[in-house]
């Protein structure tokens, strides 16, 4: 079972994507799975963990997830940073 944390804000800091979320008791991980929609946009981040300790920070709905990709992330008390993740939320005007 996955314990979901709702994203409160998403912002870009340099090349990183920074997400604040409710409930700051998420694991401090190095590797996580990015949850992407069918256009490659970020829907959430599965921080892993086992059993009831598995945590996902969600921007969108689970139903929108079409693929996963490994990523380097860090978590610190309600803030999740996806290193080099800005392109997952920034789209060109044609996209």
PDB file of N, CA and C in Angstrom:
ATOM      1  N   UNK A   1       0.835  -1.175   0.000  1.00  0.00           N
ATOM      2  CA  UNK A   1       0.000   0.000   0.000  1.00  0.00           C
ATOM      3  C   UNK A   1       0.882   1.242   0.000  1.00  0.00           C
ATOM      4  N   UNK A   2       0.495   2.243  -0.768  1.00  0.00           N
ATOM      5  CA  UNK A   2       1.255   3.482  -0.862  1.00  0.00           C
ATOM      6  C   UNK A   2       0.562   4.554  -0.032  1.00  0.00           C
ATOM      7  N   UNK A   3       1.346   5.243   0.772  1.00  0.00           N
ATOM      8  CA  UNK A   3       0.843   6.384   1.523  1.00  0.00           C
ATOM      9  C   UNK A   3       1.082   7.632   0.673  1.00  0.00           C
ATOM     10  N   UNK A   4       0.010   8.266   0.222  1.00  0.00           N
ATOM     11  CA  UNK A   4       0.124   9.452  -0.628  1.00  0.00           C
ATOM     12  C   UNK A   4       0.294  10.713   0.189  1.00  0.00           C
ATOM     13  N   UNK A   5       1.106  11.618  -0.335  1.00  0.00           N
ATOM     14  CA  UNK A   5       1.244  12.977   0.187  1.00  0.00           C
ATOM     15  C   UNK A   5       0.854  13.908  -0.950  1.00  0.00           C
ATOM     16  N   UNK A   6      -0.025  14.837  -0.697  1.00  0.00           N
ATOM     17  CA  UNK A   6      -0.486  15.773  -1.721  1.00  0.00           C
ATOM     18  C   UNK A   6       0.529  16.898  -1.902  1.00  0.00           C
ATOM     19  N   UNK A   7       0.885  17.182  -3.171  1.00  0.00           N
ATOM     20  CA  UNK A   7       1.763  18.306  -3.477  1.00  0.00           C
ATOM     21  C   UNK A   7       1.024  19.606  -3.213  1.00  0.00           C
ATOM     22  N   UNK A   8       1.679  20.530  -2.538  1.00  0.00           N
ATOM     23  CA  UNK A   8       1.096  21.839  -2.252  1.00  0.00           C
ATOM     24  C   UNK A   8       1.574  22.890  -3.240  1.00  0.00           C
ATOM     25  N   UNK A   9       2.817  22.748  -3.711  1.00  0.00           N
ATOM     26  CA  UNK A   9       3.353  23.681  -4.709  1.00  0.00           C
ATOM     27  C   UNK A   9       4.450  22.990  -5.500  1.00  0.00           C
ATOM     28  N   UNK A  10       4.640  23.486  -6.715  1.00  0.00           N
ATOM     29  CA  UNK A  10       5.701  22.996  -7.593  1.00  0.00           C
ATOM     30  C   UNK A  10       6.395  24.232  -8.155  1.00  0.00           C
ATOM     31  N   UNK A  11       7.713  24.289  -8.028  1.00  0.00           N
ATOM     32  CA  UNK A  11       8.456  25.423  -8.565  1.00  0.00           C
ATOM     33  C   UNK A  11       9.774  24.942  -9.154  1.00  0.00           C
ATOM     34  N   UNK A  12      10.357  25.797  -9.972  1.00  0.00           N
ATOM     35  CA  UNK A  12      11.640  25.501 -10.601  1.00  0.00           C
ATOM     36  C   UNK A  12      12.713  26.333  -9.912  1.00  0.00           C
ATOM     37  N   UNK A  13      13.797  25.692  -9.549  1.00  0.00           N
ATOM     38  CA  UNK A  13      14.973  26.365  -8.999  1.00  0.00           C
ATOM     39  C   UNK A  13      16.165  25.911  -9.823  1.00  0.00           C
ATOM     40  N   UNK A  14      16.615  26.760 -10.739  1.00  0.00           N
ATOM     41  CA  UNK A  14      17.685  26.378 -11.651  1.00  0.00           C
ATOM     42  C   UNK A  14      17.244  25.219 -12.513  1.00  0.00           C
ATOM     43  N   UNK A  15      17.978  24.119 -12.471  1.00  0.00           N
ATOM     44  CA  UNK A  15      17.632  22.930 -13.258  1.00  0.00           C
ATOM     45  C   UNK A  15      16.755  21.957 -12.482  1.00  0.00           C
ATOM     46  N   UNK A  16      16.474  22.270 -11.210  1.00  0.00           N
ATOM     47  CA  UNK A  16      15.729  21.354 -10.347  1.00  0.00           C
ATOM     48  C   UNK A  16      14.242  21.685 -10.294  1.00  0.00           C
ATOM     49  N   UNK A  17      13.453  20.672 -10.010  1.00  0.00           N
ATOM     50  CA  UNK A  17      12.025  20.824  -9.718  1.00  0.00           C
ATOM     51  C   UNK A  17      11.885  20.639  -8.212  1.00  0.00           C
ATOM     52  N   UNK A  18      11.246  21.597  -7.546  1.00  0.00           N
ATOM     53  CA  UNK A  18      11.076  21.538  -6.097  1.00  0.00           C
ATOM     54  C   UNK A  18       9.586  21.481  -5.784  1.00  0.00           C
ATOM     55  N   UNK A  19       9.204  20.480  -5.003  1.00  0.00           N
ATOM     56  CA  UNK A  19       7.808  20.258  -4.652  1.00  0.00           C
ATOM     57  C   UNK A  19       7.675  20.335  -3.138  1.00  0.00           C
ATOM     58  N   UNK A  20       6.753  21.167  -2.664  1.00  0.00           N
ATOM     59  CA  UNK A  20       6.414  21.118  -1.246  1.00  0.00           C
ATOM     60  C   UNK A  20       5.167  20.247  -1.117  1.00  0.00           C
ATOM     61  N   UNK A  21       5.064  19.525  -0.007  1.00  0.00           N
ATOM     62  CA  UNK A  21       3.961  18.590   0.153  1.00  0.00           C
ATOM     63  C   UNK A  21       3.509  18.524   1.603  1.00  0.00           C
ATOM     64  N   UNK A  22       2.271  18.071   1.779  1.00  0.00           N
ATOM     65  CA  UNK A  22       1.724  17.942   3.129  1.00  0.00           C
ATOM     66  C   UNK A  22       2.274  16.700   3.792  1.00  0.00           C
ATOM     67  N   UNK A  23       2.467  16.770   5.084  1.00  0.00           N
ATOM     68  CA  UNK A  23       2.995  15.621   5.816  1.00  0.00           C
ATOM     69  C   UNK A  23       4.468  15.454   5.558  1.00  0.00           C
ATOM     70  N   UNK A  24       5.304  15.982   6.398  1.00  0.00           N
ATOM     71  CA  UNK A  24       6.740  15.977   6.165  1.00  0.00           C
ATOM     72  C   UNK A  24       7.462  14.708   6.552  1.00  0.00           C
ATOM     73  N   UNK A  25       6.749  13.653   6.884  1.00  0.00           N
ATOM     74  CA  UNK A  25       7.379  12.427   7.373  1.00  0.00           C
ATOM     75  C   UNK A  25       7.691  11.444   6.243  1.00  0.00           C
ATOM     76  N   UNK A  26       8.330  11.928   5.189  1.00  0.00           N
ATOM     77  CA  UNK A  26       8.709  11.067   4.067  1.00  0.00           C
ATOM     78  C   UNK A  26      10.174  10.667   4.206  1.00  0.00           C
ATOM     79  N   UNK A  27      10.552   9.535   3.640  1.00  0.00           N
ATOM     80  CA  UNK A  27      11.941   9.090   3.739  1.00  0.00           C
ATOM     81  C   UNK A  27      12.881  10.010   2.962  1.00  0.00           C
ATOM     82  N   UNK A  28      14.107  10.164   3.460  1.00  0.00           N
ATOM     83  CA  UNK A  28      15.138  10.917   2.747  1.00  0.00           C
ATOM     84  C   UNK A  28      15.853   9.937   1.829  1.00  0.00           C
ATOM     85  N   UNK A  29      15.488   9.932   0.570  1.00  0.00           N
ATOM     86  CA  UNK A  29      15.992   8.941  -0.370  1.00  0.00           C
ATOM     87  C   UNK A  29      16.910   9.585  -1.388  1.00  0.00           C
ATOM     88  N   UNK A  30      17.718   8.781  -2.035  1.00  0.00           N
ATOM     89  CA  UNK A  30      18.568   9.257  -3.113  1.00  0.00           C
ATOM     90  C   UNK A  30      17.963   8.931  -4.465  1.00  0.00           C
ATOM     91  N   UNK A  31      17.372   7.753  -4.564  1.00  0.00           N
ATOM     92  CA  UNK A  31      16.771   7.332  -5.829  1.00  0.00           C
ATOM     93  C   UNK A  31      15.277   7.106  -5.619  1.00  0.00           C
ATOM     94  N   UNK A  32      14.512   7.535  -6.598  1.00  0.00           N
ATOM     95  CA  UNK A  32      13.063   7.380  -6.549  1.00  0.00           C
ATOM     96  C   UNK A  32      12.571   7.131  -7.968  1.00  0.00           C
ATOM     97  N   UNK A  33      11.287   6.833  -8.086  1.00  0.00           N
ATOM     98  CA  UNK A  33      10.675   6.639  -9.401  1.00  0.00           C
ATOM     99  C   UNK A  33       9.765   7.824  -9.708  1.00  0.00           C
ATOM    100  N   UNK A  34      10.057   8.519 -10.796  1.00  0.00           N
ATOM    101  CA  UNK A  34       9.177   9.578 -11.259  1.00  0.00           C
ATOM    102  C   UNK A  34       7.986   8.937 -11.929  1.00  0.00           C
ATOM    103  N   UNK A  35       6.797   9.423 -11.640  1.00  0.00           N
ATOM    104  CA  UNK A  35       5.565   8.928 -12.238  1.00  0.00           C
ATOM    105  C   UNK A  35       5.141   9.935 -13.290  1.00  0.00           C
ATOM    106  N   UNK A  36       5.115   9.514 -14.560  1.00  0.00           N
ATOM    107  CA  UNK A  36       4.906  10.412 -15.683  1.00  0.00           C
ATOM    108  C   UNK A  36       3.627  10.076 -16.439  1.00  0.00           C
ATOM    109  N   UNK A  37       3.013  11.105 -17.035  1.00  0.00           N
ATOM    110  CA  UNK A  37       1.834  10.857 -17.864  1.00  0.00           C
ATOM    111  C   UNK A  37       2.270  10.463 -19.270  1.00  0.00           C
ATOM    112  N   UNK A  38       1.335  10.307 -20.179  1.00  0.00           N
ATOM    113  CA  UNK A  38       1.665   9.829 -21.525  1.00  0.00           C
ATOM    114  C   UNK A  38       2.415  10.867 -22.363  1.00  0.00           C
ATOM    115  N   UNK A  39       2.537  12.104 -21.863  1.00  0.00           N
ATOM    116  CA  UNK A  39       3.310  13.146 -22.555  1.00  0.00           C
ATOM    117  C   UNK A  39       4.646  13.412 -21.879  1.00  0.00           C
ATOM    118  N   UNK A  40       4.971  12.607 -20.845  1.00  0.00           N
ATOM    119  CA  UNK A  40       6.236  12.748 -20.141  1.00  0.00           C
ATOM    120  C   UNK A  40       6.242  13.830 -19.075  1.00  0.00           C
ATOM    121  N   UNK A  41       5.070  14.302 -18.697  1.00  0.00           N
ATOM    122  CA  UNK A  41       4.968  15.308 -17.643  1.00  0.00           C
ATOM    123  C   UNK A  41       4.825  14.646 -16.281  1.00  0.00           C
ATOM    124  N   UNK A  42       5.321  15.315 -15.274  1.00  0.00           N
ATOM    125  CA  UNK A  42       5.340  14.778 -13.920  1.00  0.00           C
ATOM    126  C   UNK A  42       3.942  14.702 -13.315  1.00  0.00           C
ATOM    127  N   UNK A  43       3.599  13.503 -12.802  1.00  0.00           N
ATOM    128  CA  UNK A  43       2.339  13.280 -12.098  1.00  0.00           C
ATOM    129  C   UNK A  43       2.606  13.085 -10.608  1.00  0.00           C
ATOM    130  N   UNK A  44       3.755  12.491 -10.290  1.00  0.00           N
ATOM    131  CA  UNK A  44       4.110  12.237  -8.899  1.00  0.00           C
ATOM    132  C   UNK A  44       5.482  11.622  -8.786  1.00  0.00           C
ATOM    133  N   UNK A  45       5.883  11.369  -7.552  1.00  0.00           N
ATOM    134  CA  UNK A  45       7.179  10.762  -7.270  1.00  0.00           C
ATOM    135  C   UNK A  45       6.973   9.661  -6.241  1.00  0.00           C
ATOM    136  N   UNK A  46       7.344   8.438  -6.612  1.00  0.00           N
ATOM    137  CA  UNK A  46       7.285   7.295  -5.697  1.00  0.00           C
ATOM    138  C   UNK A  46       8.623   7.233  -4.976  1.00  0.00           C
ATOM    139  N   UNK A  47       8.609   7.527  -3.668  1.00  0.00           N
ATOM    140  CA  UNK A  47       9.837   7.561  -2.883  1.00  0.00           C
ATOM    141  C   UNK A  47      10.252   6.189  -2.387  1.00  0.00           C
ATOM    142  N   UNK A  48       9.451   5.188  -2.683  1.00  0.00           N
ATOM    143  CA  UNK A  48       9.795   3.824  -2.298  1.00  0.00           C
ATOM    144  C   UNK A  48       9.476   3.546  -0.835  1.00  0.00           C
ATOM    145  N   UNK A  49      10.151   2.569  -0.312  1.00  0.00           N
ATOM    146  CA  UNK A  49       9.868   2.106   1.044  1.00  0.00           C
ATOM    147  C   UNK A  49       9.118   0.798   0.959  1.00  0.00           C
ATOM    148  N   UNK A  50       9.051   0.118   2.062  1.00  0.00           N
ATOM    149  CA  UNK A  50       8.380  -1.160   2.084  1.00  0.00           C
ATOM    150  C   UNK A  50       7.114  -1.129   2.915  1.00  0.00           C
ATOM    151  N   UNK A  51       6.151  -1.928   2.517  1.00  0.00           N
ATOM    152  CA  UNK A  51       4.913  -2.060   3.273  1.00  0.00           C
ATOM    153  C   UNK A  51       4.214  -0.738   3.475  1.00  0.00           C
ATOM    154  N   UNK A  52       3.858  -0.445   4.713  1.00  0.00           N
ATOM    155  CA  UNK A  52       3.143   0.787   5.028  1.00  0.00           C
ATOM    156  C   UNK A  52       4.054   2.015   5.004  1.00  0.00           C
ATOM    157  N   UNK A  53       5.362   1.820   4.853  1.00  0.00           N
ATOM    158  CA  UNK A  53       6.301   2.934   4.803  1.00  0.00           C
ATOM    159  C   UNK A  53       6.505   3.476   3.394  1.00  0.00           C
ATOM    160  N   UNK A  54       5.851   2.893   2.400  1.00  0.00           N
ATOM    161  CA  UNK A  54       6.003   3.359   1.025  1.00  0.00           C
ATOM    162  C   UNK A  54       5.253   4.678   0.851  1.00  0.00           C
ATOM    163  N   UNK A  55       5.941   5.687   0.301  1.00  0.00           N
ATOM    164  CA  UNK A  55       5.388   7.035   0.199  1.00  0.00           C
ATOM    165  C   UNK A  55       5.461   7.518  -1.243  1.00  0.00           C
ATOM    166  N   UNK A  56       4.386   8.166  -1.705  1.00  0.00           N
ATOM    167  CA  UNK A  56       4.365   8.827  -3.007  1.00  0.00           C
ATOM    168  C   UNK A  56       3.867  10.256  -2.812  1.00  0.00           C
ATOM    169  N   UNK A  57       4.555  11.202  -3.443  1.00  0.00           N
ATOM    170  CA  UNK A  57       4.119  12.596  -3.452  1.00  0.00           C
ATOM    171  C   UNK A  57       3.444  12.814  -4.800  1.00  0.00           C
ATOM    172  N   UNK A  58       2.154  13.174  -4.767  1.00  0.00           N
ATOM    173  CA  UNK A  58       1.359  13.249  -5.990  1.00  0.00           C
ATOM    174  C   UNK A  58       0.986  14.684  -6.349  1.00  0.00           C
ATOM    175  N   UNK A  59       1.237  15.028  -7.620  1.00  0.00           N
ATOM    176  CA  UNK A  59       0.806  16.298  -8.192  1.00  0.00           C
ATOM    177  C   UNK A  59      -0.539  16.094  -8.877  1.00  0.00           C
ATOM    178  N   UNK A  60      -0.693  14.941  -9.523  1.00  0.00           N
ATOM    179  CA  UNK A  60      -1.914  14.603 -10.251  1.00  0.00           C
ATOM    180  C   UNK A  60      -2.507  13.310  -9.738  1.00  0.00           C
ATOM    181  N   UNK A  61      -3.337  12.693 -10.568  1.00  0.00           N
ATOM    182  CA  UNK A  61      -4.043  11.468 -10.192  1.00  0.00           C
ATOM    183  C   UNK A  61      -3.253  10.222 -10.596  1.00  0.00           C
ATOM    184  N   UNK A  62      -3.350   9.188  -9.781  1.00  0.00           N
ATOM    185  CA  UNK A  62      -2.693   7.910 -10.099  1.00  0.00           C
ATOM    186  C   UNK A  62      -3.120   7.401 -11.476  1.00  0.00           C
ATOM    187  N   UNK A  63      -4.363   7.659 -11.848  1.00  0.00           N
ATOM    188  CA  UNK A  63      -4.885   7.184 -13.130  1.00  0.00           C
ATOM    189  C   UNK A  63      -4.156   7.789 -14.321  1.00  0.00           C
ATOM    190  N   UNK A  64      -3.478   8.925 -14.133  1.00  0.00           N
ATOM    191  CA  UNK A  64      -2.755   9.596 -15.218  1.00  0.00           C
ATOM    192  C   UNK A  64      -1.354   9.033 -15.453  1.00  0.00           C
ATOM    193  N   UNK A  65      -0.885   8.170 -14.556  1.00  0.00           N
ATOM    194  CA  UNK A  65       0.473   7.625 -14.678  1.00  0.00           C
ATOM    195  C   UNK A  65       0.530   6.634 -15.836  1.00  0.00           C
ATOM    196  N   UNK A  66       1.438   6.917 -16.792  1.00  0.00           N
ATOM    197  CA  UNK A  66       1.621   6.045 -17.950  1.00  0.00           C
ATOM    198  C   UNK A  66       2.977   5.354 -17.938  1.00  0.00           C
ATOM    199  N   UNK A  67       3.963   5.941 -17.225  1.00  0.00           N
ATOM    200  CA  UNK A  67       5.292   5.347 -17.185  1.00  0.00           C
ATOM    201  C   UNK A  67       6.032   5.819 -15.938  1.00  0.00           C
ATOM    202  N   UNK A  68       7.169   5.174 -15.702  1.00  0.00           N
ATOM    203  CA  UNK A  68       8.034   5.531 -14.583  1.00  0.00           C
ATOM    204  C   UNK A  68       9.446   5.728 -15.087  1.00  0.00           C
ATOM    205  N   UNK A  69      10.209   6.543 -14.378  1.00  0.00           N
ATOM    206  CA  UNK A  69      11.615   6.753 -14.709  1.00  0.00           C
ATOM    207  C   UNK A  69      12.380   6.989 -13.415  1.00  0.00           C
ATOM    208  N   UNK A  70      13.548   6.364 -13.291  1.00  0.00           N
ATOM    209  CA  UNK A  70      14.384   6.569 -12.112  1.00  0.00           C
ATOM    210  C   UNK A  70      14.917   7.994 -12.078  1.00  0.00           C
ATOM    211  N   UNK A  71      15.080   8.514 -10.865  1.00  0.00           N
ATOM    212  CA  UNK A  71      15.582   9.876 -10.712  1.00  0.00           C
ATOM    213  C   UNK A  71      16.345  10.004  -9.403  1.00  0.00           C
ATOM    214  N   UNK A  72      17.177  11.024  -9.335  1.00  0.00           N
ATOM    215  CA  UNK A  72      17.908  11.365  -8.133  1.00  0.00           C
ATOM    216  C   UNK A  72      17.126  12.467  -7.422  1.00  0.00           C
ATOM    217  N   UNK A  73      16.679  12.204  -6.196  1.00  0.00           N
ATOM    218  CA  UNK A  73      15.877  13.167  -5.444  1.00  0.00           C
ATOM    219  C   UNK A  73      16.420  13.302  -4.024  1.00  0.00           C
ATOM    220  N   UNK A  74      16.006  14.375  -3.374  1.00  0.00           N
ATOM    221  CA  UNK A  74      16.275  14.519  -1.943  1.00  0.00           C
ATOM    222  C   UNK A  74      15.016  15.052  -1.286  1.00  0.00           C
ATOM    223  N   UNK A  75      14.822  14.672  -0.022  1.00  0.00           N
ATOM    224  CA  UNK A  75      13.640  15.068   0.731  1.00  0.00           C
ATOM    225  C   UNK A  75      14.104  15.651   2.059  1.00  0.00           C
ATOM    226  N   UNK A  76      13.496  16.785   2.433  1.00  0.00           N
ATOM    227  CA  UNK A  76      13.817  17.406   3.710  1.00  0.00           C
ATOM    228  C   UNK A  76      12.574  18.092   4.259  1.00  0.00           C
ATOM    229  N   UNK A  77      11.925  17.490   5.235  1.00  0.00           N
ATOM    230  CA  UNK A  77      10.775  18.041   5.963  1.00  0.00           C
ATOM    231  C   UNK A  77       9.789  18.786   5.054  1.00  0.00           C
ATOM    232  N   UNK A  78       9.052  18.037   4.276  1.00  0.00           N
ATOM    233  CA  UNK A  78       7.998  18.611   3.458  1.00  0.00           C
ATOM    234  C   UNK A  78       8.434  19.214   2.142  1.00  0.00           C
ATOM    235  N   UNK A  79       9.693  19.035   1.776  1.00  0.00           N
ATOM    236  CA  UNK A  79      10.198  19.544   0.503  1.00  0.00           C
ATOM    237  C   UNK A  79      10.925  18.430  -0.232  1.00  0.00           C
ATOM    238  N   UNK A  80      10.552  18.227  -1.478  1.00  0.00           N
ATOM    239  CA  UNK A  80      11.140  17.213  -2.352  1.00  0.00           C
ATOM    240  C   UNK A  80      11.831  17.922  -3.508  1.00  0.00           C
ATOM    241  N   UNK A  81      13.091  17.590  -3.753  1.00  0.00           N
ATOM    242  CA  UNK A  81      13.851  18.181  -4.858  1.00  0.00           C
ATOM    243  C   UNK A  81      14.198  17.089  -5.851  1.00  0.00           C
ATOM    244  N   UNK A  82      13.763  17.281  -7.109  1.00  0.00           N
ATOM    245  CA  UNK A  82      14.136  16.375  -8.193  1.00  0.00           C
ATOM    246  C   UNK A  82      15.308  17.031  -8.912  1.00  0.00           C
ATOM    247  N   UNK A  83      16.480  16.461  -8.746  1.00  0.00           N
ATOM    248  CA  UNK A  83      17.692  17.016  -9.339  1.00  0.00           C
ATOM    249  C   UNK A  83      17.604  16.918 -10.865  1.00  0.00           C
ATOM    250  N   UNK A  84      17.832  18.036 -11.540  1.00  0.00           N
ATOM    251  CA  UNK A  84      17.728  18.149 -13.005  1.00  0.00           C
ATOM    252  C   UNK A  84      16.324  17.795 -13.493  1.00  0.00           C
ATOM    253  N   UNK A  85      15.298  18.137 -12.727  1.00  0.00           N
ATOM    254  CA  UNK A  85      13.931  17.769 -13.067  1.00  0.00           C
ATOM    255  C   UNK A  85      13.071  18.900 -13.619  1.00  0.00           C
ATOM    256  N   UNK A  86      13.663  20.058 -13.877  1.00  0.00           N
ATOM    257  CA  UNK A  86      12.859  21.202 -14.351  1.00  0.00           C
ATOM    258  C   UNK A  86      12.126  20.896 -15.656  1.00  0.00           C
ATOM    259  N   UNK A  87      12.724  20.148 -16.548  1.00  0.00           N
ATOM    260  CA  UNK A  87      12.111  19.837 -17.825  1.00  0.00           C
ATOM    261  C   UNK A  87      10.862  18.992 -17.736  1.00  0.00           C
ATOM    262  N   UNK A  88      10.610  18.395 -16.578  1.00  0.00           N
ATOM    263  CA  UNK A  88       9.412  17.579 -16.402  1.00  0.00           C
ATOM    264  C   UNK A  88       8.162  18.420 -16.220  1.00  0.00           C
ATOM    265  N   UNK A  89       8.336  19.677 -15.855  1.00  0.00           N
ATOM    266  CA  UNK A  89       7.190  20.555 -15.657  1.00  0.00           C
ATOM    267  C   UNK A  89       7.210  21.761 -16.584  1.00  0.00           C
ATOM    268  N   UNK A  90       8.363  22.079 -17.167  1.00  0.00           N
ATOM    269  CA  UNK A  90       8.455  23.175 -18.126  1.00  0.00           C
ATOM    270  C   UNK A  90       8.261  22.586 -19.515  1.00  0.00           C
ATOM    271  N   UNK A  91       7.362  23.153 -20.253  1.00  0.00           N
ATOM    272  CA  UNK A  91       7.101  22.697 -21.618  1.00  0.00           C
ATOM    273  C   UNK A  91       7.252  23.862 -22.569  1.00  0.00           C
ATOM    274  N   UNK A  92       7.712  23.564 -23.749  1.00  0.00           N
ATOM    275  CA  UNK A  92       7.818  24.617 -24.758  1.00  0.00           C
ATOM    276  C   UNK A  92       6.421  25.072 -25.171  1.00  0.00           C
ATOM    277  N   UNK A  93       6.346  26.213 -25.824  1.00  0.00           N
ATOM    278  CA  UNK A  93       5.047  26.746 -26.250  1.00  0.00           C
ATOM    279  C   UNK A  93       4.338  25.803 -27.211  1.00  0.00           C
ATOM    280  N   UNK A  94       5.092  24.997 -27.952  1.00  0.00           N
ATOM    281  CA  UNK A  94       4.459  24.068 -28.878  1.00  0.00           C
ATOM    282  C   UNK A  94       3.998  22.800 -28.178  1.00  0.00           C
ATOM    283  N   UNK A  95       4.502  22.541 -26.923  1.00  0.00           N
ATOM    284  CA  UNK A  95       4.154  21.325 -26.204  1.00  0.00           C
ATOM    285  C   UNK A  95       3.135  21.601 -25.210  1.00  0.00           C
TER     286      UNK A  95
END
